[in-house]
Amino acid sequence: MAAGYSNLFLNQGETFTSQLTLTDSTGTPYDLTNFHIASSAKRSYYSSNTSINFSINVVSPANGIIQLTATAPQTANLIPGQLVYDVLIRDTISNNITRVLEGQIFVSPSVTSLSAL
């Protein structure tokens, strides 16, 4: 089954939060009750280095709603430009792993240093 596709926009040096609904190919939200979720971003699919690992909060398990979060210090370290990301889910009963979402993240540069706050 093909993963969904969604582009995200992130401002360097800001706290990043994005609420997403994870759905299958028919548009039906995943019931995330017995799932672990992970998401990260890299400069390219072939890069060996992860640029950022997102914190995941399951907002509504029955409706497939999650929230990806990164702190301001985490985003401050990102190089402006494009990243690729994905979201994987693992069924804790069957241990099946599915990539449910992927896309690009556009990182906008910041001018002001976090230390100025």
PDB file of N, CA and C in Angstrom:
ATOM      1  N   MET A   1       0.852  -1.170   0.000  1.00  0.00           N
ATOM      2  CA  MET A   1       0.000   0.000   0.000  1.00  0.00           C
ATOM      3  C   MET A   1       0.900   1.236   0.000  1.00  0.00           C
ATOM      4  N   ALA A   2       0.625   2.190  -0.858  1.00  0.00           N
ATOM      5  CA  ALA A   2       1.424   3.407  -0.952  1.00  0.00           C
ATOM      6  C   ALA A   2       1.144   4.330   0.227  1.00  0.00           C
ATOM      7  N   ALA A   3       2.195   4.967   0.690  1.00  0.00           N
ATOM      8  CA  ALA A   3       2.060   5.934   1.784  1.00  0.00           C
ATOM      9  C   ALA A   3       1.416   7.214   1.268  1.00  0.00           C
ATOM     10  N   GLY A   4       0.720   7.915   2.155  1.00  0.00           N
ATOM     11  CA  GLY A   4       0.195   9.228   1.823  1.00  0.00           C
ATOM     12  C   GLY A   4       1.341  10.208   1.657  1.00  0.00           C
ATOM     13  N   TYR A   5       1.070  11.352   1.069  1.00  0.00           N
ATOM     14  CA  TYR A   5       2.104  12.349   0.806  1.00  0.00           C
ATOM     15  C   TYR A   5       1.632  13.707   1.300  1.00  0.00           C
ATOM     16  N   SER A   6       2.476  14.378   2.080  1.00  0.00           N
ATOM     17  CA  SER A   6       2.140  15.709   2.573  1.00  0.00           C
ATOM     18  C   SER A   6       3.424  16.497   2.805  1.00  0.00           C
ATOM     19  N   ASN A   7       3.487  17.707   2.271  1.00  0.00           N
ATOM     20  CA  ASN A   7       4.627  18.583   2.501  1.00  0.00           C
ATOM     21  C   ASN A   7       4.394  19.412   3.760  1.00  0.00           C
ATOM     22  N   LEU A   8       5.477  19.688   4.477  1.00  0.00           N
ATOM     23  CA  LEU A   8       5.423  20.474   5.712  1.00  0.00           C
ATOM     24  C   LEU A   8       6.347  21.673   5.597  1.00  0.00           C
ATOM     25  N   PHE A   9       6.063  22.704   6.362  1.00  0.00           N
ATOM     26  CA  PHE A   9       6.871  23.924   6.371  1.00  0.00           C
ATOM     27  C   PHE A   9       7.318  24.196   7.799  1.00  0.00           C
ATOM     28  N   LEU A  10       8.604  24.478   7.966  1.00  0.00           N
ATOM     29  CA  LEU A  10       9.200  24.629   9.286  1.00  0.00           C
ATOM     30  C   LEU A  10      10.072  25.871   9.289  1.00  0.00           C
ATOM     31  N   ASN A  11       9.951  26.700  10.313  1.00  0.00           N
ATOM     32  CA  ASN A  11      10.797  27.878  10.467  1.00  0.00           C
ATOM     33  C   ASN A  11      11.957  27.534  11.389  1.00  0.00           C
ATOM     34  N   GLN A  12      13.174  27.731  10.902  1.00  0.00           N
ATOM     35  CA  GLN A  12      14.375  27.460  11.686  1.00  0.00           C
ATOM     36  C   GLN A  12      14.330  28.256  12.989  1.00  0.00           C
ATOM     37  N   GLY A  13      14.618  27.604  14.109  1.00  0.00           N
ATOM     38  CA  GLY A  13      14.683  28.282  15.399  1.00  0.00           C
ATOM     39  C   GLY A  13      13.354  28.423  16.113  1.00  0.00           C
ATOM     40  N   GLU A  14      12.267  27.915  15.537  1.00  0.00           N
ATOM     41  CA  GLU A  14      10.954  27.955  16.176  1.00  0.00           C
ATOM     42  C   GLU A  14      10.574  26.567  16.672  1.00  0.00           C
ATOM     43  N   THR A  15       9.689  26.531  17.666  1.00  0.00           N
ATOM     44  CA  THR A  15       9.083  25.273  18.055  1.00  0.00           C
ATOM     45  C   THR A  15       8.166  24.848  16.918  1.00  0.00           C
ATOM     46  N   PHE A  16       8.346  23.624  16.454  1.00  0.00           N
ATOM     47  CA  PHE A  16       7.568  23.114  15.327  1.00  0.00           C
ATOM     48  C   PHE A  16       6.525  22.142  15.837  1.00  0.00           C
ATOM     49  N   THR A  17       5.284  22.325  15.396  1.00  0.00           N
ATOM     50  CA  THR A  17       4.194  21.412  15.702  1.00  0.00           C
ATOM     51  C   THR A  17       3.331  21.267  14.460  1.00  0.00           C
ATOM     52  N   SER A  18       3.035  20.026  14.115  1.00  0.00           N
ATOM     53  CA  SER A  18       2.150  19.778  12.981  1.00  0.00           C
ATOM     54  C   SER A  18       1.210  18.635  13.332  1.00  0.00           C
ATOM     55  N   GLN A  19      -0.077  18.896  13.275  1.00  0.00           N
ATOM     56  CA  GLN A  19      -1.078  17.860  13.544  1.00  0.00           C
ATOM     57  C   GLN A  19      -1.460  17.206  12.228  1.00  0.00           C
ATOM     58  N   LEU A  20      -1.399  15.874  12.191  1.00  0.00           N
ATOM     59  CA  LEU A  20      -1.639  15.119  10.973  1.00  0.00           C
ATOM     60  C   LEU A  20      -2.645  14.007  11.234  1.00  0.00           C
ATOM     61  N   THR A  21      -3.446  13.702  10.227  1.00  0.00           N
ATOM     62  CA  THR A  21      -4.339  12.554  10.296  1.00  0.00           C
ATOM     63  C   THR A  21      -3.779  11.470   9.384  1.00  0.00           C
ATOM     64  N   LEU A  22      -3.479  10.322   9.969  1.00  0.00           N
ATOM     65  CA  LEU A  22      -2.914   9.207   9.213  1.00  0.00           C
ATOM     66  C   LEU A  22      -4.051   8.349   8.664  1.00  0.00           C
ATOM     67  N   THR A  23      -4.086   8.211   7.332  1.00  0.00           N
ATOM     68  CA  THR A  23      -5.164   7.466   6.684  1.00  0.00           C
ATOM     69  C   THR A  23      -4.591   6.408   5.749  1.00  0.00           C
ATOM     70  N   ASP A  24      -5.404   5.385   5.474  1.00  0.00           N
ATOM     71  CA  ASP A  24      -5.001   4.369   4.510  1.00  0.00           C
ATOM     72  C   ASP A  24      -5.316   4.854   3.094  1.00  0.00           C
ATOM     73  N   SER A  25      -5.092   4.014   2.102  1.00  0.00           N
ATOM     74  CA  SER A  25      -5.256   4.431   0.706  1.00  0.00           C
ATOM     75  C   SER A  25      -6.699   4.768   0.342  1.00  0.00           C
ATOM     76  N   THR A  26      -7.664   4.344   1.153  1.00  0.00           N
ATOM     77  CA  THR A  26      -9.065   4.677   0.887  1.00  0.00           C
ATOM     78  C   THR A  26      -9.508   5.945   1.628  1.00  0.00           C
ATOM     79  N   GLY A  27      -8.596   6.524   2.410  1.00  0.00           N
ATOM     80  CA  GLY A  27      -8.935   7.728   3.174  1.00  0.00           C
ATOM     81  C   GLY A  27      -9.473   7.435   4.560  1.00  0.00           C
ATOM     82  N   THR A  28      -9.499   6.169   4.950  1.00  0.00           N
ATOM     83  CA  THR A  28      -9.977   5.794   6.282  1.00  0.00           C
ATOM     84  C   THR A  28      -8.866   6.005   7.300  1.00  0.00           C
ATOM     85  N   PRO A  29      -9.139   6.750   8.381  1.00  0.00           N
ATOM     86  CA  PRO A  29      -8.098   6.967   9.397  1.00  0.00           C
ATOM     87  C   PRO A  29      -7.677   5.656  10.048  1.00  0.00           C
ATOM     88  N   TYR A  30      -6.375   5.522  10.299  1.00  0.00           N
ATOM     89  CA  TYR A  30      -5.861   4.376  11.043  1.00  0.00           C
ATOM     90  C   TYR A  30      -6.334   4.463  12.482  1.00  0.00           C
ATOM     91  N   ASP A  31      -6.692   3.339  13.058  1.00  0.00           N
ATOM     92  CA  ASP A  31      -6.926   3.259  14.498  1.00  0.00           C
ATOM     93  C   ASP A  31      -5.571   2.941  15.113  1.00  0.00           C
ATOM     94  N   LEU A  32      -5.004   3.898  15.809  1.00  0.00           N
ATOM     95  CA  LEU A  32      -3.642   3.790  16.317  1.00  0.00           C
ATOM     96  C   LEU A  32      -3.564   3.248  17.743  1.00  0.00           C
ATOM     97  N   THR A  33      -4.623   2.604  18.194  1.00  0.00           N
ATOM     98  CA  THR A  33      -4.703   2.139  19.577  1.00  0.00           C
ATOM     99  C   THR A  33      -3.538   1.239  19.959  1.00  0.00           C
ATOM    100  N   ASN A  34      -3.154   0.293  19.133  1.00  0.00           N
ATOM    101  CA  ASN A  34      -2.067  -0.635  19.467  1.00  0.00           C
ATOM    102  C   ASN A  34      -0.858  -0.431  18.568  1.00  0.00           C
ATOM    103  N   PHE A  35      -0.468   0.829  18.360  1.00  0.00           N
ATOM    104  CA  PHE A  35       0.641   1.125  17.471  1.00  0.00           C
ATOM    105  C   PHE A  35       1.691   2.001  18.150  1.00  0.00           C
ATOM    106  N   HIS A  36       2.945   1.779  17.776  1.00  0.00           N
ATOM    107  CA  HIS A  36       4.031   2.701  18.087  1.00  0.00           C
ATOM    108  C   HIS A  36       4.282   3.494  16.812  1.00  0.00           C
ATOM    109  N   ILE A  37       4.664   4.763  16.967  1.00  0.00           N
ATOM    110  CA  ILE A  37       4.837   5.649  15.813  1.00  0.00           C
ATOM    111  C   ILE A  37       6.204   6.307  15.894  1.00  0.00           C
ATOM    112  N   ALA A  38       6.864   6.441  14.751  1.00  0.00           N
ATOM    113  CA  ALA A  38       8.161   7.117  14.681  1.00  0.00           C
ATOM    114  C   ALA A  38       8.199   7.973  13.427  1.00  0.00           C
ATOM    115  N   SER A  39       8.929   9.084  13.521  1.00  0.00           N
ATOM    116  CA  SER A  39       9.078   9.970  12.375  1.00  0.00           C
ATOM    117  C   SER A  39      10.406  10.703  12.468  1.00  0.00           C
ATOM    118  N   SER A  40      11.089  10.796  11.335  1.00  0.00           N
ATOM    119  CA  SER A  40      12.337  11.548  11.279  1.00  0.00           C
ATOM    120  C   SER A  40      12.488  12.169   9.896  1.00  0.00           C
ATOM    121  N   ALA A  41      13.472  13.060   9.796  1.00  0.00           N
ATOM    122  CA  ALA A  41      13.745  13.742   8.533  1.00  0.00           C
ATOM    123  C   ALA A  41      15.243  13.705   8.254  1.00  0.00           C
ATOM    124  N   LYS A  42      15.565  13.687   6.964  1.00  0.00           N
ATOM    125  CA  LYS A  42      16.951  13.688   6.501  1.00  0.00           C
ATOM    126  C   LYS A  42      17.086  14.678   5.348  1.00  0.00           C
ATOM    127  N   ARG A  43      18.319  14.993   5.010  1.00  0.00           N
ATOM    128  CA  ARG A  43      18.590  15.872   3.869  1.00  0.00           C
ATOM    129  C   ARG A  43      18.156  15.197   2.564  1.00  0.00           C
ATOM    130  N   SER A  44      18.348  13.890   2.465  1.00  0.00           N
ATOM    131  CA  SER A  44      17.882  13.144   1.296  1.00  0.00           C
ATOM    132  C   SER A  44      17.555  11.726   1.746  1.00  0.00           C
ATOM    133  N   TYR A  45      16.849  10.986   0.898  1.00  0.00           N
ATOM    134  CA  TYR A  45      16.525   9.600   1.214  1.00  0.00           C
ATOM    135  C   TYR A  45      17.781   8.754   1.388  1.00  0.00           C
ATOM    136  N   TYR A  46      18.862   9.150   0.763  1.00  0.00           N
ATOM    137  CA  TYR A  46      20.090   8.360   0.758  1.00  0.00           C
ATOM    138  C   TYR A  46      21.103   8.818   1.794  1.00  0.00           C
ATOM    139  N   SER A  47      20.797   9.856   2.542  1.00  0.00           N
ATOM    140  CA  SER A  47      21.695  10.356   3.578  1.00  0.00           C
ATOM    141  C   SER A  47      21.768   9.368   4.736  1.00  0.00           C
ATOM    142  N   SER A  48      22.960   9.177   5.263  1.00  0.00           N
ATOM    143  CA  SER A  48      23.116   8.284   6.409  1.00  0.00           C
ATOM    144  C   SER A  48      22.848   9.005   7.730  1.00  0.00           C
ATOM    145  N   ASN A  49      22.798  10.324   7.697  1.00  0.00           N
ATOM    146  CA  ASN A  49      22.585  11.114   8.908  1.00  0.00           C
ATOM    147  C   ASN A  49      21.158  11.622   9.005  1.00  0.00           C
ATOM    148  N   THR A  50      20.551  11.412  10.158  1.00  0.00           N
ATOM    149  CA  THR A  50      19.219  11.950  10.419  1.00  0.00           C
ATOM    150  C   THR A  50      19.354  13.411  10.829  1.00  0.00           C
ATOM    151  N   SER A  51      18.565  14.277  10.235  1.00  0.00           N
ATOM    152  CA  SER A  51      18.583  15.699  10.587  1.00  0.00           C
ATOM    153  C   SER A  51      17.784  15.974  11.849  1.00  0.00           C
ATOM    154  N   ILE A  52      16.671  15.255  12.015  1.00  0.00           N
ATOM    155  CA  ILE A  52      15.805  15.492  13.180  1.00  0.00           C
ATOM    156  C   ILE A  52      14.912  14.265  13.414  1.00  0.00           C
ATOM    157  N   ASN A  53      14.727  13.935  14.677  1.00  0.00           N
ATOM    158  CA  ASN A  53      13.754  12.921  15.086  1.00  0.00           C
ATOM    159  C   ASN A  53      12.616  13.651  15.781  1.00  0.00           C
ATOM    160  N   PHE A  54      11.421  13.486  15.288  1.00  0.00           N
ATOM    161  CA  PHE A  54      10.278  14.180  15.859  1.00  0.00           C
ATOM    162  C   PHE A  54       9.740  13.457  17.087  1.00  0.00           C
ATOM    163  N   SER A  55       9.243  14.226  18.045  1.00  0.00           N
ATOM    164  CA  SER A  55       8.457  13.670  19.137  1.00  0.00           C
ATOM    165  C   SER A  55       7.055  13.468  18.598  1.00  0.00           C
ATOM    166  N   ILE A  56       6.419  12.374  19.007  1.00  0.00           N
ATOM    167  CA  ILE A  56       5.084  12.043  18.520  1.00  0.00           C
ATOM    168  C   ILE A  56       4.117  12.031  19.686  1.00  0.00           C
ATOM    169  N   ASN A  57       3.005  12.729  19.515  1.00  0.00           N
ATOM    170  CA  ASN A  57       1.903  12.678  20.470  1.00  0.00           C
ATOM    171  C   ASN A  57       0.676  12.175  19.704  1.00  0.00           C
ATOM    172  N   VAL A  58       0.063  11.109  20.221  1.00  0.00           N
ATOM    173  CA  VAL A  58      -1.159  10.605  19.586  1.00  0.00           C
ATOM    174  C   VAL A  58      -2.322  11.387  20.190  1.00  0.00           C
ATOM    175  N   VAL A  59      -2.905  12.261  19.393  1.00  0.00           N
ATOM    176  CA  VAL A  59      -3.979  13.157  19.838  1.00  0.00           C
ATOM    177  C   VAL A  59      -5.300  12.398  19.947  1.00  0.00           C
ATOM    178  N   SER A  60      -5.607  11.602  18.933  1.00  0.00           N
ATOM    179  CA  SER A  60      -6.849  10.837  18.901  1.00  0.00           C
ATOM    180  C   SER A  60      -6.570   9.485  18.246  1.00  0.00           C
ATOM    181  N   PRO A  61      -6.280   8.450  19.067  1.00  0.00           N
ATOM    182  CA  PRO A  61      -5.916   7.153  18.488  1.00  0.00           C
ATOM    183  C   PRO A  61      -6.972   6.592  17.533  1.00  0.00           C
ATOM    184  N   ALA A  62      -8.234   6.650  17.892  1.00  0.00           N
ATOM    185  CA  ALA A  62      -9.296   6.060  17.071  1.00  0.00           C
ATOM    186  C   ALA A  62      -9.465   6.780  15.732  1.00  0.00           C
ATOM    187  N   ASN A  63      -9.049   8.051  15.666  1.00  0.00           N
ATOM    188  CA  ASN A  63      -9.203   8.838  14.444  1.00  0.00           C
ATOM    189  C   ASN A  63      -7.898   9.046  13.692  1.00  0.00           C
ATOM    190  N   GLY A  64      -6.821   8.379  14.129  1.00  0.00           N
ATOM    191  CA  GLY A  64      -5.546   8.452  13.426  1.00  0.00           C
ATOM    192  C   GLY A  64      -4.854   9.793  13.498  1.00  0.00           C
ATOM    193  N   ILE A  65      -5.162  10.605  14.508  1.00  0.00           N
ATOM    194  CA  ILE A  65      -4.594  11.955  14.586  1.00  0.00           C
ATOM    195  C   ILE A  65      -3.362  11.960  15.490  1.00  0.00           C
ATOM    196  N   ILE A  66      -2.241  12.430  14.922  1.00  0.00           N
ATOM    197  CA  ILE A  66      -1.003  12.558  15.677  1.00  0.00           C
ATOM    198  C   ILE A  66      -0.490  13.989  15.581  1.00  0.00           C
ATOM    199  N   GLN A  67       0.477  14.289  16.423  1.00  0.00           N
ATOM    200  CA  GLN A  67       1.131  15.590  16.378  1.00  0.00           C
ATOM    201  C   GLN A  67       2.641  15.353  16.360  1.00  0.00           C
ATOM    202  N   LEU A  68       3.313  15.892  15.332  1.00  0.00           N
ATOM    203  CA  LEU A  68       4.769  15.870  15.263  1.00  0.00           C
ATOM    204  C   LEU A  68       5.270  17.136  15.932  1.00  0.00           C
ATOM    205  N   THR A  69       6.310  17.021  16.750  1.00  0.00           N
ATOM    206  CA  THR A  69       6.848  18.186  17.453  1.00  0.00           C
ATOM    207  C   THR A  69       8.372  18.156  17.434  1.00  0.00           C
ATOM    208  N   ALA A  70       8.961  19.332  17.323  1.00  0.00           N
ATOM    209  CA  ALA A  70      10.404  19.522  17.473  1.00  0.00           C
ATOM    210  C   ALA A  70      10.615  20.817  18.249  1.00  0.00           C
ATOM    211  N   THR A  71      11.593  20.831  19.122  1.00  0.00           N
ATOM    212  CA  THR A  71      11.859  22.009  19.945  1.00  0.00           C
ATOM    213  C   THR A  71      12.579  23.085  19.133  1.00  0.00           C
ATOM    214  N   ALA A  72      12.552  24.296  19.646  1.00  0.00           N
ATOM    215  CA  ALA A  72      13.264  25.398  18.986  1.00  0.00           C
ATOM    216  C   ALA A  72      14.766  25.106  18.868  1.00  0.00           C
ATOM    217  N   PRO A  73      15.431  24.575  19.915  1.00  0.00           N
ATOM    218  CA  PRO A  73      16.851  24.243  19.734  1.00  0.00           C
ATOM    219  C   PRO A  73      17.087  23.175  18.659  1.00  0.00           C
ATOM    220  N   GLN A  74      16.171  22.221  18.516  1.00  0.00           N
ATOM    221  CA  GLN A  74      16.312  21.215  17.463  1.00  0.00           C
ATOM    222  C   GLN A  74      16.207  21.856  16.083  1.00  0.00           C
ATOM    223  N   THR A  75      15.223  22.716  15.882  1.00  0.00           N
ATOM    224  CA  THR A  75      15.032  23.321  14.560  1.00  0.00           C
ATOM    225  C   THR A  75      16.102  24.360  14.259  1.00  0.00           C
ATOM    226  N   ALA A  76      16.686  24.967  15.309  1.00  0.00           N
ATOM    227  CA  ALA A  76      17.750  25.952  15.103  1.00  0.00           C
ATOM    228  C   ALA A  76      18.971  25.313  14.448  1.00  0.00           C
ATOM    229  N   ASN A  77      19.168  24.020  14.682  1.00  0.00           N
ATOM    230  CA  ASN A  77      20.321  23.312  14.123  1.00  0.00           C
ATOM    231  C   ASN A  77      20.107  22.820  12.700  1.00  0.00           C
ATOM    232  N   LEU A  78      18.909  22.964  12.171  1.00  0.00           N
ATOM    233  CA  LEU A  78      18.645  22.511  10.812  1.00  0.00           C
ATOM    234  C   LEU A  78      19.206  23.482   9.782  1.00  0.00           C
ATOM    235  N   ILE A  79      19.747  22.940   8.720  1.00  0.00           N
ATOM    236  CA  ILE A  79      20.225  23.754   7.606  1.00  0.00           C
ATOM    237  C   ILE A  79      19.011  24.115   6.753  1.00  0.00           C
ATOM    238  N   PRO A  80      18.827  25.409   6.444  1.00  0.00           N
ATOM    239  CA  PRO A  80      17.690  25.797   5.600  1.00  0.00           C
ATOM    240  C   PRO A  80      17.712  25.057   4.260  1.00  0.00           C
ATOM    241  N   GLY A  81      16.530  24.820   3.741  1.00  0.00           N
ATOM    242  CA  GLY A  81      16.387  24.112   2.472  1.00  0.00           C
ATOM    243  C   GLY A  81      15.373  22.998   2.608  1.00  0.00           C
ATOM    244  N   GLN A  82      15.534  21.968   1.826  1.00  0.00           N
ATOM    245  CA  GLN A  82      14.568  20.879   1.807  1.00  0.00           C
ATOM    246  C   GLN A  82      15.090  19.653   2.536  1.00  0.00           C
ATOM    247  N   LEU A  83      14.172  19.009   3.241  1.00  0.00           N
ATOM    248  CA  LEU A  83      14.408  17.719   3.870  1.00  0.00           C
ATOM    249  C   LEU A  83      13.335  16.763   3.368  1.00  0.00           C
ATOM    250  N   VAL A  84      13.553  15.482   3.543  1.00  0.00           N
ATOM    251  CA  VAL A  84      12.517  14.483   3.313  1.00  0.00           C
ATOM    252  C   VAL A  84      12.198  13.837   4.653  1.00  0.00           C
ATOM    253  N   TYR A  85      10.945  13.428   4.821  1.00  0.00           N
ATOM    254  CA  TYR A  85      10.543  12.806   6.081  1.00  0.00           C
ATOM    255  C   TYR A  85       9.565  11.678   5.799  1.00  0.00           C
ATOM    256  N   ASP A  86       9.366  10.849   6.804  1.00  0.00           N
ATOM    257  CA  ASP A  86       8.292   9.877   6.733  1.00  0.00           C
ATOM    258  C   ASP A  86       7.793   9.568   8.135  1.00  0.00           C
ATOM    259  N   VAL A  87       6.649   8.895   8.184  1.00  0.00           N
ATOM    260  CA  VAL A  87       6.039   8.459   9.433  1.00  0.00           C
ATOM    261  C   VAL A  87       5.796   6.961   9.307  1.00  0.00           C
ATOM    262  N   LEU A  88       6.354   6.211  10.255  1.00  0.00           N
ATOM    263  CA  LEU A  88       6.175   4.761  10.294  1.00  0.00           C
ATOM    264  C   LEU A  88       5.327   4.386  11.494  1.00  0.00           C
ATOM    265  N   ILE A  89       4.492   3.366  11.310  1.00  0.00           N
ATOM    266  CA  ILE A  89       3.729   2.831  12.434  1.00  0.00           C
ATOM    267  C   ILE A  89       4.049   1.345  12.568  1.00  0.00           C
ATOM    268  N   ARG A  90       4.096   0.874  13.826  1.00  0.00           N
ATOM    269  CA  ARG A  90       4.334  -0.552  14.080  1.00  0.00           C
ATOM    270  C   ARG A  90       3.198  -1.082  14.934  1.00  0.00           C
ATOM    271  N   ASP A  91       2.536  -2.096  14.415  1.00  0.00           N
ATOM    272  CA  ASP A  91       1.474  -2.766  15.147  1.00  0.00           C
ATOM    273  C   ASP A  91       2.125  -3.555  16.283  1.00  0.00           C
ATOM    274  N   THR A  92       1.780  -3.244  17.531  1.00  0.00           N
ATOM    275  CA  THR A  92       2.416  -3.899  18.676  1.00  0.00           C
ATOM    276  C   THR A  92       1.961  -5.342  18.848  1.00  0.00           C
ATOM    277  N   ILE A  93       0.905  -5.750  18.158  1.00  0.00           N
ATOM    278  CA  ILE A  93       0.426  -7.132  18.251  1.00  0.00           C
ATOM    279  C   ILE A  93       1.100  -8.006  17.189  1.00  0.00           C
ATOM    280  N   SER A  94       1.067  -7.565  15.929  1.00  0.00           N
ATOM    281  CA  SER A  94       1.636  -8.363  14.832  1.00  0.00           C
ATOM    282  C   SER A  94       3.089  -8.001  14.522  1.00  0.00           C
ATOM    283  N   ASN A  95       3.552  -6.854  15.009  1.00  0.00           N
ATOM    284  CA  ASN A  95       4.879  -6.296  14.714  1.00  0.00           C
ATOM    285  C   ASN A  95       5.040  -5.864  13.265  1.00  0.00           C
ATOM    286  N   ASN A  96       3.946  -5.784  12.486  1.00  0.00           N
ATOM    287  CA  ASN A  96       4.013  -5.273  11.123  1.00  0.00           C
ATOM    288  C   ASN A  96       4.325  -3.780  11.152  1.00  0.00           C
ATOM    289  N   ILE A  97       5.205  -3.373  10.252  1.00  0.00           N
ATOM    290  CA  ILE A  97       5.596  -1.966  10.138  1.00  0.00           C
ATOM    291  C   ILE A  97       5.100  -1.436   8.803  1.00  0.00           C
ATOM    292  N   THR A  98       4.490  -0.252   8.833  1.00  0.00           N
ATOM    293  CA  THR A  98       3.931   0.371   7.629  1.00  0.00           C
ATOM    294  C   THR A  98       4.364   1.828   7.563  1.00  0.00           C
ATOM    295  N   ARG A  99       4.849   2.244   6.403  1.00  0.00           N
ATOM    296  CA  ARG A  99       5.095   3.679   6.177  1.00  0.00           C
ATOM    297  C   ARG A  99       3.765   4.264   5.725  1.00  0.00           C
ATOM    298  N   VAL A 100       3.209   5.175   6.534  1.00  0.00           N
ATOM    299  CA  VAL A 100       1.878   5.695   6.256  1.00  0.00           C
ATOM    300  C   VAL A 100       1.886   7.103   5.668  1.00  0.00           C
ATOM    301  N   LEU A 101       3.012   7.807   5.830  1.00  0.00           N
ATOM    302  CA  LEU A 101       3.078   9.185   5.331  1.00  0.00           C
ATOM    303  C   LEU A 101       4.518   9.516   4.984  1.00  0.00           C
ATOM    304  N   GLU A 102       4.682  10.318   3.940  1.00  0.00           N
ATOM    305  CA  GLU A 102       6.004  10.798   3.546  1.00  0.00           C
ATOM    306  C   GLU A 102       5.839  12.142   2.851  1.00  0.00           C
ATOM    307  N   GLY A 103       6.951  12.830   2.678  1.00  0.00           N
ATOM    308  CA  GLY A 103       6.901  14.107   1.983  1.00  0.00           C
ATOM    309  C   GLY A 103       8.179  14.896   2.174  1.00  0.00           C
ATOM    310  N   GLN A 104       8.093  16.169   1.847  1.00  0.00           N
ATOM    311  CA  GLN A 104       9.223  17.076   2.001  1.00  0.00           C
ATOM    312  C   GLN A 104       8.925  18.062   3.115  1.00  0.00           C
ATOM    313  N   ILE A 105       9.983  18.520   3.745  1.00  0.00           N
ATOM    314  CA  ILE A 105       9.883  19.601   4.728  1.00  0.00           C
ATOM    315  C   ILE A 105      10.713  20.753   4.192  1.00  0.00           C
ATOM    316  N   PHE A 106      10.100  21.907   4.104  1.00  0.00           N
ATOM    317  CA  PHE A 106      10.795  23.101   3.646  1.00  0.00           C
ATOM    318  C   PHE A 106      11.194  23.909   4.875  1.00  0.00           C
ATOM    319  N   VAL A 107      12.513  24.054   5.092  1.00  0.00           N
ATOM    320  CA  VAL A 107      13.047  24.759   6.260  1.00  0.00           C
ATOM    321  C   VAL A 107      13.400  26.180   5.852  1.00  0.00           C
ATOM    322  N   SER A 108      12.700  27.143   6.458  1.00  0.00           N
ATOM    323  CA  SER A 108      12.940  28.565   6.193  1.00  0.00           C
ATOM    324  C   SER A 108      13.988  29.085   7.179  1.00  0.00           C
ATOM    325  N   PRO A 109      15.012  29.819   6.701  1.00  0.00           N
ATOM    326  CA  PRO A 109      16.077  30.278   7.602  1.00  0.00           C
ATOM    327  C   PRO A 109      15.603  31.342   8.579  1.00  0.00           C
ATOM    328  N   SER A 110      16.297  31.392   9.704  1.00  0.00           N
ATOM    329  CA  SER A 110      16.025  32.398  10.736  1.00  0.00           C
ATOM    330  C   SER A 110      17.165  33.405  10.777  1.00  0.00           C
ATOM    331  N   VAL A 111      16.864  34.622  11.199  1.00  0.00           N
ATOM    332  CA  VAL A 111      17.876  35.654  11.326  1.00  0.00           C
ATOM    333  C   VAL A 111      18.288  35.821  12.786  1.00  0.00           C
ATOM    334  N   THR A 112      17.334  35.783  13.689  1.00  0.00           N
ATOM    335  CA  THR A 112      17.592  36.044  15.107  1.00  0.00           C
ATOM    336  C   THR A 112      18.036  34.782  15.817  1.00  0.00           C
ATOM    337  N   SER A 113      19.095  34.866  16.605  1.00  0.00           N
ATOM    338  CA  SER A 113      19.596  33.729  17.372  1.00  0.00           C
ATOM    339  C   SER A 113      18.707  33.482  18.579  1.00  0.00           C
ATOM    340  N   LEU A 114      18.561  32.218  18.966  1.00  0.00           N
ATOM    341  CA  LEU A 114      17.783  31.875  20.151  1.00  0.00           C
ATOM    342  C   LEU A 114      18.368  32.517  21.407  1.00  0.00           C
ATOM    343  N   SER A 115      19.659  32.744  21.416  1.00  0.00           N
ATOM    344  CA  SER A 115      20.298  33.343  22.601  1.00  0.00           C
ATOM    345  C   SER A 115      19.874  34.799  22.826  1.00  0.00           C
ATOM    346  N   ALA A 116      19.223  35.404  21.813  1.00  0.00           N
ATOM    347  CA  ALA A 116      18.760  36.788  21.955  1.00  0.00           C
ATOM    348  C   ALA A 116      17.489  36.857  22.813  1.00  0.00           C
ATOM    349  N   LEU A 117      16.870  35.712  23.072  1.00  0.00           N
ATOM    350  CA  LEU A 117      15.617  35.709  23.846  1.00  0.00           C
ATOM    351  C   LEU A 117      15.865  35.620  25.315  1.00  0.00           C
TER     352      LEU A 117
END
